[in-house]
């Protein structure tokens, strides 16, 4: 089933969200909600038909399948990581999967 978002038919869409507790940096106004960090959508051949993008296959000339990806909203990603891993003393625990990129530190 297709979904229409901003005028473009989407066959499949995946959104990545981060949790905003709202208490980072002493802010006492809790948001308690999730916000989009990234989105990736499959548009099938809709966009390639509009731009005439094709490829040659064993079956002849066909329209390409296209993907849309917004990348990562780095600021939102950092806020989510900091808020969800902050300790009472202000330090931040580094998630296990990220430690190898942080000189194996467990806390900053």
N, C-alpha and C. Protein backbone atom coordinates (compact mmCIF):
# COMPACT_ATOMS: atom_id res chain seq x y z
N UNK A 1 0.84 -1.18 0.00
CA UNK A 1 0.00 0.00 0.00
C UNK A 1 0.89 1.25 0.00
N UNK A 2 0.54 2.21 -0.82
CA UNK A 2 1.33 3.43 -0.89
C UNK A 2 0.85 4.45 0.12
N UNK A 3 1.80 5.24 0.60
CA UNK A 3 1.50 6.33 1.50
C UNK A 3 1.93 7.61 0.77
N UNK A 4 1.20 8.68 0.93
CA UNK A 4 1.58 9.94 0.29
C UNK A 4 2.12 10.88 1.36
N UNK A 5 3.38 11.29 1.18
CA UNK A 5 4.01 12.24 2.10
C UNK A 5 4.63 13.34 1.25
N UNK A 6 4.16 14.56 1.41
CA UNK A 6 4.65 15.69 0.65
C UNK A 6 4.52 15.47 -0.85
N UNK A 7 3.46 14.80 -1.29
CA UNK A 7 3.21 14.64 -2.70
C UNK A 7 3.97 13.53 -3.38
N UNK A 8 4.78 12.76 -2.67
CA UNK A 8 5.55 11.68 -3.26
C UNK A 8 5.04 10.35 -2.75
N UNK A 9 4.59 9.45 -3.66
CA UNK A 9 4.12 8.14 -3.19
C UNK A 9 5.27 7.32 -2.59
N UNK A 10 5.06 6.80 -1.41
CA UNK A 10 6.07 6.00 -0.73
C UNK A 10 5.58 4.56 -0.63
N UNK A 11 6.45 3.62 -1.00
CA UNK A 11 6.11 2.22 -0.87
C UNK A 11 6.41 1.75 0.55
N UNK A 12 7.51 2.23 1.10
CA UNK A 12 7.92 1.84 2.44
C UNK A 12 8.70 2.99 3.04
N UNK A 13 8.52 3.25 4.33
CA UNK A 13 9.25 4.33 4.99
C UNK A 13 9.64 3.89 6.38
N UNK A 14 10.87 4.22 6.76
CA UNK A 14 11.37 3.92 8.11
C UNK A 14 11.91 5.20 8.72
N UNK A 15 11.38 5.55 9.88
CA UNK A 15 11.86 6.72 10.61
C UNK A 15 12.61 6.26 11.84
N UNK A 16 13.73 6.91 12.11
CA UNK A 16 14.49 6.66 13.33
C UNK A 16 14.23 7.82 14.27
N UNK A 17 13.88 7.52 15.51
CA UNK A 17 13.53 8.55 16.48
C UNK A 17 14.41 8.48 17.71
N UNK A 18 14.61 9.64 18.33
CA UNK A 18 15.35 9.73 19.59
C UNK A 18 14.42 10.24 20.68
N UNK A 19 14.66 9.81 21.91
CA UNK A 19 13.81 10.21 23.03
C UNK A 19 14.32 11.49 23.67
N UNK A 20 13.43 12.43 23.89
CA UNK A 20 13.72 13.69 24.55
C UNK A 20 13.08 13.69 25.93
N UNK A 21 13.88 13.49 26.95
CA UNK A 21 13.35 13.54 28.30
C UNK A 21 13.20 14.97 28.78
N UNK A 22 14.01 15.86 28.26
CA UNK A 22 13.89 17.28 28.58
C UNK A 22 14.60 17.71 29.83
N UNK A 23 15.41 16.85 30.45
CA UNK A 23 16.08 17.23 31.69
C UNK A 23 17.57 17.49 31.51
N UNK A 24 18.06 17.49 30.28
CA UNK A 24 19.48 17.71 30.01
C UNK A 24 19.88 19.14 30.38
N UNK A 25 21.00 19.28 31.02
CA UNK A 25 21.52 20.60 31.35
C UNK A 25 20.71 21.31 32.43
N UNK A 26 20.01 20.56 33.26
CA UNK A 26 19.26 21.17 34.34
C UNK A 26 17.89 21.71 33.94
N UNK A 27 17.51 21.54 32.67
CA UNK A 27 16.21 21.99 32.21
C UNK A 27 15.13 21.16 32.90
N UNK A 28 14.25 21.78 33.64
CA UNK A 28 13.23 21.06 34.39
C UNK A 28 11.92 20.90 33.64
N UNK A 29 11.86 21.33 32.37
CA UNK A 29 10.65 21.18 31.58
C UNK A 29 10.79 19.89 30.77
N UNK A 30 10.12 18.84 31.21
CA UNK A 30 10.23 17.53 30.56
C UNK A 30 9.36 17.48 29.31
N UNK A 31 9.97 17.14 28.17
CA UNK A 31 9.21 16.98 26.94
C UNK A 31 8.60 15.59 26.86
N UNK A 32 9.35 14.59 27.30
CA UNK A 32 8.88 13.21 27.28
C UNK A 32 8.26 12.81 25.95
N UNK A 33 8.99 13.03 24.86
CA UNK A 33 8.50 12.62 23.55
C UNK A 33 9.66 12.21 22.66
N UNK A 34 9.31 11.58 21.56
CA UNK A 34 10.29 11.14 20.58
C UNK A 34 10.29 12.11 19.40
N UNK A 35 11.48 12.34 18.84
CA UNK A 35 11.59 13.21 17.66
C UNK A 35 12.38 12.49 16.58
N UNK A 36 12.05 12.79 15.35
CA UNK A 36 12.70 12.13 14.22
C UNK A 36 14.16 12.55 14.10
N UNK A 37 15.03 11.55 13.94
CA UNK A 37 16.46 11.78 13.73
C UNK A 37 16.82 11.52 12.27
N UNK A 38 16.15 10.58 11.65
CA UNK A 38 16.43 10.22 10.26
C UNK A 38 15.21 9.55 9.65
N UNK A 39 15.15 9.55 8.32
CA UNK A 39 14.06 8.91 7.62
C UNK A 39 14.60 8.34 6.31
N UNK A 40 14.14 7.16 5.96
CA UNK A 40 14.52 6.55 4.68
C UNK A 40 13.26 5.96 4.05
N UNK A 41 13.04 6.29 2.78
CA UNK A 41 11.82 5.87 2.09
C UNK A 41 12.14 5.22 0.75
N UNK A 42 11.36 4.22 0.39
CA UNK A 42 11.42 3.63 -0.94
C UNK A 42 10.27 4.22 -1.75
N UNK A 43 10.61 4.80 -2.89
CA UNK A 43 9.59 5.42 -3.74
C UNK A 43 9.30 4.58 -4.98
N UNK A 44 9.82 3.34 -5.00
CA UNK A 44 9.60 2.50 -6.18
C UNK A 44 10.15 3.18 -7.42
N UNK A 45 9.38 3.20 -8.49
CA UNK A 45 9.83 3.83 -9.74
C UNK A 45 9.22 5.21 -9.96
N UNK A 46 8.48 5.72 -8.96
CA UNK A 46 7.79 7.01 -9.12
C UNK A 46 8.75 8.12 -9.56
N UNK A 47 9.84 8.32 -8.82
CA UNK A 47 10.77 9.41 -9.14
C UNK A 47 11.53 9.17 -10.43
N UNK A 48 11.94 7.92 -10.68
CA UNK A 48 12.70 7.65 -11.90
C UNK A 48 11.84 7.82 -13.15
N UNK A 49 10.55 7.55 -13.04
CA UNK A 49 9.65 7.80 -14.18
C UNK A 49 9.56 9.29 -14.46
N UNK A 50 9.52 10.10 -13.40
CA UNK A 50 9.43 11.56 -13.58
C UNK A 50 10.69 12.13 -14.22
N UNK A 51 11.85 11.54 -13.90
CA UNK A 51 13.10 12.07 -14.47
C UNK A 51 13.63 11.24 -15.63
N UNK A 52 12.95 10.15 -15.95
CA UNK A 52 13.35 9.33 -17.10
C UNK A 52 14.61 8.52 -16.85
N UNK A 53 14.88 8.15 -15.60
CA UNK A 53 16.09 7.38 -15.27
C UNK A 53 15.82 5.88 -15.46
N UNK A 54 16.58 5.26 -16.37
CA UNK A 54 16.37 3.85 -16.71
C UNK A 54 17.68 3.10 -16.68
N UNK A 55 17.57 1.76 -16.69
CA UNK A 55 18.75 0.91 -16.83
C UNK A 55 18.38 -0.24 -17.77
N UNK A 56 19.41 -0.84 -18.35
CA UNK A 56 19.18 -1.96 -19.26
C UNK A 56 19.37 -3.26 -18.50
N UNK A 57 18.40 -4.16 -18.66
CA UNK A 57 18.47 -5.47 -18.02
C UNK A 57 18.27 -6.54 -19.09
N UNK A 58 18.27 -7.77 -18.67
CA UNK A 58 18.02 -8.88 -19.60
C UNK A 58 16.62 -8.80 -20.19
N UNK A 59 15.71 -8.11 -19.48
CA UNK A 59 14.32 -7.98 -19.92
C UNK A 59 14.08 -6.72 -20.74
N UNK A 60 15.12 -5.94 -21.01
CA UNK A 60 14.98 -4.69 -21.75
C UNK A 60 15.30 -3.49 -20.88
N UNK A 61 14.76 -2.34 -21.24
CA UNK A 61 14.99 -1.12 -20.50
C UNK A 61 13.92 -0.97 -19.41
N UNK A 62 14.37 -0.70 -18.18
CA UNK A 62 13.44 -0.58 -17.05
C UNK A 62 13.73 0.69 -16.27
N UNK A 63 12.72 1.18 -15.56
CA UNK A 63 12.90 2.33 -14.68
C UNK A 63 13.57 1.88 -13.38
N UNK A 64 14.40 2.75 -12.83
CA UNK A 64 15.09 2.48 -11.57
C UNK A 64 14.15 2.54 -10.38
N UNK A 65 14.45 1.79 -9.34
CA UNK A 65 13.80 1.96 -8.06
C UNK A 65 14.61 2.98 -7.28
N UNK A 66 13.97 3.93 -6.62
CA UNK A 66 14.70 4.98 -5.92
C UNK A 66 14.45 4.95 -4.42
N UNK A 67 15.44 5.44 -3.68
CA UNK A 67 15.36 5.59 -2.23
C UNK A 67 15.59 7.04 -1.86
N UNK A 68 14.94 7.50 -0.84
CA UNK A 68 15.19 8.83 -0.27
C UNK A 68 15.70 8.62 1.15
N UNK A 69 16.77 9.28 1.49
CA UNK A 69 17.28 9.20 2.85
C UNK A 69 17.69 10.58 3.32
N UNK A 70 17.26 10.95 4.52
CA UNK A 70 17.55 12.30 5.01
C UNK A 70 18.89 12.40 5.73
N UNK A 71 19.63 11.29 5.82
CA UNK A 71 20.85 11.33 6.61
C UNK A 71 20.49 11.39 8.08
N UNK A 72 21.38 11.92 8.88
CA UNK A 72 21.12 12.03 10.32
C UNK A 72 21.06 13.49 10.73
N UNK A 73 20.11 13.82 11.56
CA UNK A 73 20.06 15.14 12.17
C UNK A 73 21.03 15.10 13.34
N UNK A 74 22.27 15.47 13.09
CA UNK A 74 23.35 15.29 14.06
C UNK A 74 23.06 15.98 15.38
N UNK A 75 22.54 17.18 15.35
CA UNK A 75 22.23 17.89 16.59
C UNK A 75 21.22 17.13 17.44
N UNK A 76 20.16 16.65 16.80
CA UNK A 76 19.14 15.89 17.52
C UNK A 76 19.70 14.57 18.05
N UNK A 77 20.56 13.93 17.26
CA UNK A 77 21.17 12.67 17.69
C UNK A 77 22.04 12.90 18.92
N UNK A 78 22.85 13.96 18.91
CA UNK A 78 23.71 14.26 20.06
C UNK A 78 22.89 14.57 21.30
N UNK A 79 21.81 15.34 21.15
CA UNK A 79 20.97 15.65 22.31
C UNK A 79 20.39 14.37 22.90
N UNK A 80 19.89 13.48 22.04
CA UNK A 80 19.31 12.22 22.53
C UNK A 80 20.36 11.38 23.25
N UNK A 81 21.56 11.29 22.68
CA UNK A 81 22.63 10.51 23.32
C UNK A 81 23.00 11.10 24.68
N UNK A 82 23.15 12.42 24.73
CA UNK A 82 23.54 13.06 25.99
C UNK A 82 22.44 12.95 27.04
N UNK A 83 21.20 13.27 26.65
CA UNK A 83 20.10 13.22 27.62
C UNK A 83 19.88 11.83 28.20
N UNK A 84 19.97 10.83 27.34
CA UNK A 84 19.65 9.47 27.78
C UNK A 84 20.79 8.78 28.51
N UNK A 85 21.98 9.41 28.54
CA UNK A 85 23.13 8.77 29.19
C UNK A 85 23.79 9.66 30.23
N UNK A 86 23.17 10.79 30.57
CA UNK A 86 23.75 11.71 31.54
C UNK A 86 23.55 11.21 32.97
N UNK A 87 24.60 11.39 33.77
CA UNK A 87 24.56 11.02 35.20
C UNK A 87 24.28 12.27 36.03
N UNK A 88 23.92 12.07 37.28
CA UNK A 88 23.60 13.19 38.18
C UNK A 88 24.76 14.17 38.33
N UNK A 89 26.00 13.67 38.24
CA UNK A 89 27.17 14.55 38.40
C UNK A 89 27.51 15.31 37.11
N UNK A 90 26.70 15.14 36.05
CA UNK A 90 26.93 15.84 34.79
C UNK A 90 27.73 15.05 33.78
N UNK A 91 28.40 13.98 34.22
CA UNK A 91 29.14 13.15 33.28
C UNK A 91 28.16 12.37 32.40
N UNK A 92 28.66 11.84 31.29
CA UNK A 92 27.81 11.11 30.35
C UNK A 92 28.43 9.75 30.08
N UNK A 93 27.65 8.68 30.29
CA UNK A 93 28.10 7.34 29.96
C UNK A 93 28.10 7.17 28.44
N UNK A 94 29.17 6.60 27.91
CA UNK A 94 29.25 6.35 26.47
C UNK A 94 28.66 4.97 26.20
N UNK A 95 27.65 4.87 25.32
CA UNK A 95 27.07 3.56 25.01
C UNK A 95 28.15 2.58 24.51
N UNK A 96 27.99 1.31 24.86
CA UNK A 96 28.98 0.29 24.51
C UNK A 96 29.35 0.31 23.04
N UNK A 97 28.37 0.43 22.15
CA UNK A 97 28.65 0.37 20.71
C UNK A 97 29.46 1.56 20.21
N UNK A 98 29.52 2.65 20.98
CA UNK A 98 30.27 3.83 20.55
C UNK A 98 31.66 3.95 21.18
N UNK A 99 31.94 3.14 22.17
CA UNK A 99 33.20 3.28 22.92
C UNK A 99 34.43 3.10 22.05
N UNK A 100 34.38 2.21 21.07
CA UNK A 100 35.55 2.01 20.21
C UNK A 100 35.90 3.27 19.42
N UNK A 101 34.93 4.18 19.24
CA UNK A 101 35.19 5.44 18.54
C UNK A 101 35.61 6.55 19.50
N UNK A 102 35.58 6.25 20.81
CA UNK A 102 35.90 7.22 21.85
C UNK A 102 37.10 6.75 22.68
N UNK A 103 38.08 6.14 22.02
CA UNK A 103 39.29 5.63 22.69
C UNK A 103 38.95 4.71 23.85
N UNK A 104 37.87 3.92 23.70
CA UNK A 104 37.42 2.96 24.70
C UNK A 104 37.08 3.60 26.06
N UNK A 105 36.80 4.89 26.07
CA UNK A 105 36.35 5.52 27.31
C UNK A 105 34.93 5.05 27.62
N UNK A 106 34.61 4.96 28.88
CA UNK A 106 33.25 4.57 29.25
C UNK A 106 32.42 5.76 29.70
N UNK A 107 33.08 6.92 29.88
CA UNK A 107 32.39 8.10 30.40
C UNK A 107 33.13 9.36 29.96
N UNK A 108 32.38 10.42 29.73
CA UNK A 108 32.99 11.74 29.44
C UNK A 108 32.41 12.75 30.39
